[in-house]
């Protein structure tokens, strides 16, 4: 039994004692008055009934207050249990939130480290692309026209695609140095700039044929310029024409003895 229940029981006992005392006092006074005769006041039975009614009203009021207190106590107990349950639920939510926050912090740290590594790799790839493109530009200046393909990766910003384009360009240059090729280029013939068809034997030697097919000769790269030298021997001109026809698929594959450029003969 709680302290409040004990206090309620004590109050009930006090009311019972008071009621009994009042009733006993009333009976005693009534007995005295009956022994001494009436004094002109209310009859004994009326006084007894009045005292009994007062005691009943007191007991009813006490019972009402006790019921109200019990109801209030139940409401408080219910509120207390609800508050405790909510507090436990919020504790669990807070613990889950702290665990989720810790996991997010861990993921963010991992992502930050990964992003930094990617940035470092991208910087390395970008620097490698710059070096490779500069090297290919230097090779193009010192090679016969058509050996190094044009740079088509200038507009690419993604490091991976840019590196792939540069590597493909390098691989294509390697392939072109191993096979013959014919293409129209510009060169210098007797101090004049002319357009001719150029036949390359890889990167070792080259021969040219005028667009009308009347002139032919050897070609060499000097100081970045393509120098065209006419072939003085008509047989050499005929051999060069035959080589162009074979390379372009217009002639039957056969041996052709071509003149050697002066620089190649010195080597």
Protein backbone atom coordinates (compact mmCIF):
# COMPACT_ATOMS: atom_id res chain seq x y z
CA UNK A 1 0.00 0.00 0.00
CA UNK A 2 1.32 3.41 -0.98
CA UNK A 3 1.57 6.48 1.22
CA UNK A 4 -1.50 8.05 -0.39
CA UNK A 5 -3.57 4.87 0.19
CA UNK A 6 -2.51 4.86 3.86
CA UNK A 7 -3.50 8.50 4.22
CA UNK A 8 -6.93 7.74 2.65
CA UNK A 9 -7.52 4.85 5.07
CA UNK A 10 -6.59 7.03 8.09
CA UNK A 11 -9.01 9.73 6.92
CA UNK A 12 -11.81 7.15 6.61
CA UNK A 13 -11.13 5.88 10.12
CA UNK A 14 -11.13 9.44 11.47
CA UNK A 15 -14.52 10.12 9.86
CA UNK A 16 -15.88 6.87 11.33
CA UNK A 17 -14.59 7.80 14.83
CA UNK A 18 -16.03 11.30 14.55
CA UNK A 19 -19.39 9.95 13.38
CA UNK A 20 -19.47 7.43 16.23
CA UNK A 21 -18.53 10.16 18.71
CA UNK A 22 -21.20 12.47 17.42
CA UNK A 23 -23.79 9.68 17.58
CA UNK A 24 -22.71 8.71 21.11
CA UNK A 25 -22.76 12.31 22.29
CA UNK A 26 -26.20 12.77 20.81
CA UNK A 27 -27.53 9.63 22.50
CA UNK A 28 -25.98 10.71 25.80
CA UNK A 29 -27.51 14.17 25.59
CA UNK A 30 -30.83 12.68 24.64
CA UNK A 31 -30.67 10.35 27.63
CA UNK A 32 -29.85 13.25 29.90
CA UNK A 33 -32.66 15.34 28.55
CA UNK A 34 -35.10 12.43 28.80
CA UNK A 35 -34.02 12.03 32.41
CA UNK A 36 -34.40 15.75 33.18
CA UNK A 37 -37.38 16.35 30.97
CA UNK A 38 -37.72 18.37 27.76
CA UNK A 39 -36.12 21.77 27.46
CA UNK A 40 -38.27 23.05 24.65
CA UNK A 41 -35.71 21.99 21.92
CA UNK A 42 -36.08 19.47 19.06
CA UNK A 43 -37.20 16.02 19.86
CA UNK A 44 -34.61 13.35 20.53
CA UNK A 45 -35.45 11.40 17.41
CA UNK A 46 -34.95 14.47 15.22
CA UNK A 47 -31.54 15.18 16.67
CA UNK A 48 -30.45 11.56 16.22
CA UNK A 49 -31.61 11.51 12.60
CA UNK A 50 -29.85 14.82 11.92
CA UNK A 51 -26.60 13.45 13.32
CA UNK A 52 -26.97 10.26 11.30
CA UNK A 53 -27.60 12.23 8.12
CA UNK A 54 -24.52 14.37 8.76
CA UNK A 55 -22.43 11.25 9.33
CA UNK A 56 -23.81 9.66 6.11
CA UNK A 57 -23.06 12.78 4.09
CA UNK A 58 -19.54 12.83 5.49
CA UNK A 59 -19.03 9.17 4.54
CA UNK A 60 -20.45 9.80 1.05
CA UNK A 61 -18.17 12.80 0.56
CA UNK A 62 -15.19 10.75 1.73
CA UNK A 63 -16.11 7.91 -0.62
CA UNK A 64 -16.49 10.34 -3.53
CA UNK A 65 -13.12 11.92 -2.83
CA UNK A 66 -11.53 8.49 -2.56
CA UNK A 67 -13.04 7.39 -5.88
CA UNK A 68 -11.86 10.58 -7.52
CA UNK A 69 -8.41 10.03 -6.08
CA UNK A 70 -8.35 6.40 -7.32
CA UNK A 71 -9.38 7.57 -10.79
CA UNK A 72 -6.73 10.27 -10.80
CA UNK A 73 -4.19 7.74 -9.56
CA UNK A 74 -5.06 5.35 -12.42
CA UNK A 75 -4.74 8.16 -14.93
CA UNK A 76 -1.37 9.14 -13.52
CA UNK A 77 -0.20 5.52 -13.57
CA UNK A 78 -1.31 5.21 -17.21
CA UNK A 79 0.41 8.48 -18.10
CA UNK A 80 3.55 7.30 -16.30
CA UNK A 81 3.67 4.01 -18.19
CA UNK A 82 3.03 5.83 -21.49
CA UNK A 83 5.84 8.28 -20.79
CA UNK A 84 8.19 5.41 -19.89
CA UNK A 85 7.32 3.53 -23.08
CA UNK A 86 7.83 6.67 -25.18
CA UNK A 87 11.14 7.34 -23.46
CA UNK A 88 12.34 3.81 -24.27
CA UNK A 89 11.17 4.15 -27.85
CA UNK A 90 12.99 7.45 -28.26
CA UNK A 91 16.11 5.91 -26.74
CA UNK A 92 15.99 3.14 -29.34
CA UNK A 93 15.43 5.69 -32.11
CA UNK A 94 18.35 7.77 -30.86
CA UNK A 95 20.61 4.71 -30.72
CA UNK A 96 19.61 3.73 -34.26
CA UNK A 97 20.21 7.30 -35.45
CA UNK A 98 23.66 7.37 -33.84
CA UNK A 99 24.53 4.05 -35.48
CA UNK A 100 23.28 5.31 -38.87
CA UNK A 101 25.25 8.54 -38.44
CA UNK A 102 28.41 6.59 -37.63
CA UNK A 103 27.90 4.45 -40.73
CA UNK A 104 27.35 7.53 -42.87
CA UNK A 105 30.50 9.13 -41.48
CA UNK A 106 32.42 5.96 -42.33
CA UNK A 107 31.00 5.91 -45.86
CA UNK A 108 31.78 9.60 -46.32
CA UNK A 109 35.37 9.05 -45.21
CA UNK A 110 35.70 6.14 -47.65
CA UNK A 111 34.18 8.17 -50.48
CA UNK A 112 36.47 11.10 -49.70
CA UNK A 113 39.54 8.86 -49.80
CA UNK A 114 38.32 7.27 -53.06
CA UNK A 115 37.64 10.67 -54.60
CA UNK A 116 41.13 11.87 -53.67
CA UNK A 117 42.69 8.76 -55.18
CA UNK A 118 40.65 9.24 -58.36
CA UNK A 119 41.70 12.88 -58.57
CA UNK A 120 45.33 11.81 -58.17
CA UNK A 121 44.97 9.15 -60.87
CA UNK A 122 43.19 11.61 -63.19
CA UNK A 123 46.03 14.11 -62.71
CA UNK A 124 48.58 11.41 -63.53
CA UNK A 125 46.61 10.32 -66.61
CA UNK A 126 46.24 13.93 -67.74
CA UNK A 127 49.99 14.51 -67.40
CA UNK A 128 50.67 11.28 -69.30
CA UNK A 129 48.32 12.38 -72.09
CA UNK A 130 50.14 15.71 -72.34
CA UNK A 131 53.51 13.97 -72.63
CA UNK A 132 52.21 11.46 -75.17
CA UNK A 133 50.57 14.12 -77.32
CA UNK A 134 53.72 16.24 -77.30
CA UNK A 135 55.81 13.19 -78.20
CA UNK A 136 53.48 12.33 -81.10
CA UNK A 137 53.60 15.93 -82.30
CA UNK A 138 57.40 15.71 -82.31
CA UNK A 139 57.28 12.40 -84.18
CA UNK A 140 54.86 13.88 -86.73
CA UNK A 141 57.26 16.74 -87.43
CA UNK A 142 60.14 14.35 -88.06
CA UNK A 143 58.19 11.71 -90.01
CA UNK A 144 56.90 11.45 -93.55
CA UNK A 145 53.35 12.74 -94.07
CA UNK A 146 50.74 10.19 -93.14
CA UNK A 147 52.84 8.30 -90.61
CA UNK A 148 51.29 9.94 -87.56
CA UNK A 149 47.51 10.37 -87.84
CA UNK A 150 45.99 13.75 -86.88
CA UNK A 151 45.13 14.43 -83.25
CA UNK A 152 41.39 13.93 -82.84
CA UNK A 153 41.42 13.97 -79.02
CA UNK A 154 41.76 17.73 -78.60
CA UNK A 155 38.12 18.15 -77.52
CA UNK A 156 38.08 15.19 -75.13
CA UNK A 157 38.09 16.19 -71.44
CA UNK A 158 37.65 12.80 -69.78
CA UNK A 159 41.12 11.48 -68.87
CA UNK A 160 40.31 7.87 -69.68
CA UNK A 161 38.93 8.61 -73.14
CA UNK A 162 41.72 11.08 -73.84
CA UNK A 163 44.39 8.51 -72.96
CA UNK A 164 42.64 5.86 -75.05
CA UNK A 165 42.58 8.22 -78.04
CA UNK A 166 46.27 9.04 -77.64
CA UNK A 167 47.21 5.37 -77.34
CA UNK A 168 45.13 4.53 -80.41
CA UNK A 169 46.88 7.32 -82.31
CA UNK A 170 50.27 5.93 -81.28
CA UNK A 171 49.25 2.40 -82.28
CA UNK A 172 48.01 3.63 -85.66
CA UNK A 173 51.34 5.40 -86.25
CA UNK A 174 53.15 2.15 -85.42
CA UNK A 175 50.99 0.25 -87.90
CA UNK A 176 51.57 2.82 -90.63
CA UNK A 177 55.34 2.56 -90.27
CA UNK A 178 55.07 -1.15 -91.13
CA UNK A 179 53.03 -0.91 -94.33
CA UNK A 180 52.92 1.08 -97.53
CA UNK A 181 50.42 3.87 -97.97
CA UNK A 182 49.34 6.32 -100.65
CA UNK A 183 47.91 9.75 -99.98
CA UNK A 184 47.82 13.26 -101.39
CA UNK A 185 50.23 15.63 -99.65
CA UNK A 186 51.91 18.96 -100.22
CA UNK A 187 55.63 19.20 -100.91
CA UNK A 188 58.32 21.45 -102.33
CA UNK A 189 59.43 20.78 -105.92
CA UNK A 190 62.14 23.04 -107.35
CA UNK A 191 61.25 25.75 -104.82
CA UNK A 192 57.53 25.57 -105.53
CA UNK A 193 54.78 24.13 -103.33
CA UNK A 194 52.85 21.45 -105.18
CA UNK A 195 50.33 18.76 -104.36
CA UNK A 196 51.37 15.22 -105.23
CA UNK A 197 50.50 11.68 -104.40
CA UNK A 198 52.93 10.17 -101.95
CA UNK A 199 53.79 6.47 -101.68
CA UNK A 200 55.39 5.54 -98.37
CA UNK A 201 57.29 2.37 -97.69
CA UNK A 202 56.51 2.53 -94.01
CA UNK A 203 58.67 5.26 -92.55
CA UNK A 204 61.84 4.35 -94.40
CA UNK A 205 61.39 5.91 -97.84
CA UNK A 206 58.84 7.66 -100.01
CA UNK A 207 58.18 8.36 -103.69
CA UNK A 208 55.89 10.84 -105.29
CA UNK A 209 53.81 11.04 -108.45
CA UNK A 210 52.27 14.20 -109.82
CA UNK A 211 48.49 14.34 -109.90
CA UNK A 212 48.54 14.12 -113.70
CA UNK A 213 50.95 11.18 -113.58
CA UNK A 214 53.58 12.81 -115.77
CA UNK A 215 56.26 13.46 -113.15
CA UNK A 216 57.62 11.22 -110.46
CA UNK A 217 60.56 10.95 -108.14
CA UNK A 218 61.77 10.44 -104.60
CA UNK A 219 60.74 12.36 -101.47
CA UNK A 220 62.52 13.03 -98.22
CA UNK A 221 61.83 15.04 -95.09
CA UNK A 222 64.23 17.88 -94.39
CA UNK A 223 63.71 20.33 -91.55
CA UNK A 224 60.06 19.43 -91.34
CA UNK A 225 59.47 20.10 -95.05
CA UNK A 226 58.77 17.43 -97.65
CA UNK A 227 61.35 17.84 -100.44
CA UNK A 228 60.41 16.35 -103.81
CA UNK A 229 63.22 15.30 -106.17
CA UNK A 230 62.36 14.38 -109.79
CA UNK A 231 63.64 11.06 -111.10
CA UNK A 232 65.98 11.78 -114.05
CA UNK A 233 65.74 8.28 -115.50
CA UNK A 234 62.51 7.45 -117.43
CA UNK A 235 62.79 3.85 -116.22
CA UNK A 236 62.63 5.08 -112.63
CA UNK A 237 59.54 7.13 -113.48
CA UNK A 238 57.92 4.04 -115.00
CA UNK A 239 58.83 1.94 -111.95
CA UNK A 240 57.30 4.54 -109.62
CA UNK A 241 54.08 4.59 -111.67
CA UNK A 242 53.95 0.78 -111.50
CA UNK A 243 54.44 0.86 -107.72
CA UNK A 244 51.58 3.36 -107.32
CA UNK A 245 49.30 1.19 -109.48
CA UNK A 246 50.09 -1.89 -107.37
CA UNK A 247 49.64 -0.03 -104.07
CA UNK A 248 46.30 1.43 -105.18
CA UNK A 249 45.04 -1.91 -106.45
CA UNK A 250 45.08 -0.97 -110.10
CA UNK A 251 47.93 -3.28 -111.06
CA UNK A 252 48.96 -6.88 -110.64
CA UNK A 253 51.33 -7.47 -107.73
CA UNK A 254 54.86 -7.63 -109.05
CA UNK A 255 58.41 -6.60 -108.28
CA UNK A 256 59.28 -2.94 -108.91
CA UNK A 257 62.82 -1.62 -108.62
CA UNK A 258 62.43 1.90 -107.23
CA UNK A 259 65.11 4.59 -106.97
CA UNK A 260 66.54 5.20 -103.56
CA UNK A 261 66.30 8.71 -102.03
CA UNK A 262 69.71 10.39 -101.63
CA UNK A 263 69.52 10.45 -97.81
CA UNK A 264 68.72 6.72 -97.69
CA UNK A 265 71.61 5.89 -100.05
CA UNK A 266 74.04 7.81 -97.83
CA UNK A 267 72.89 5.81 -94.82
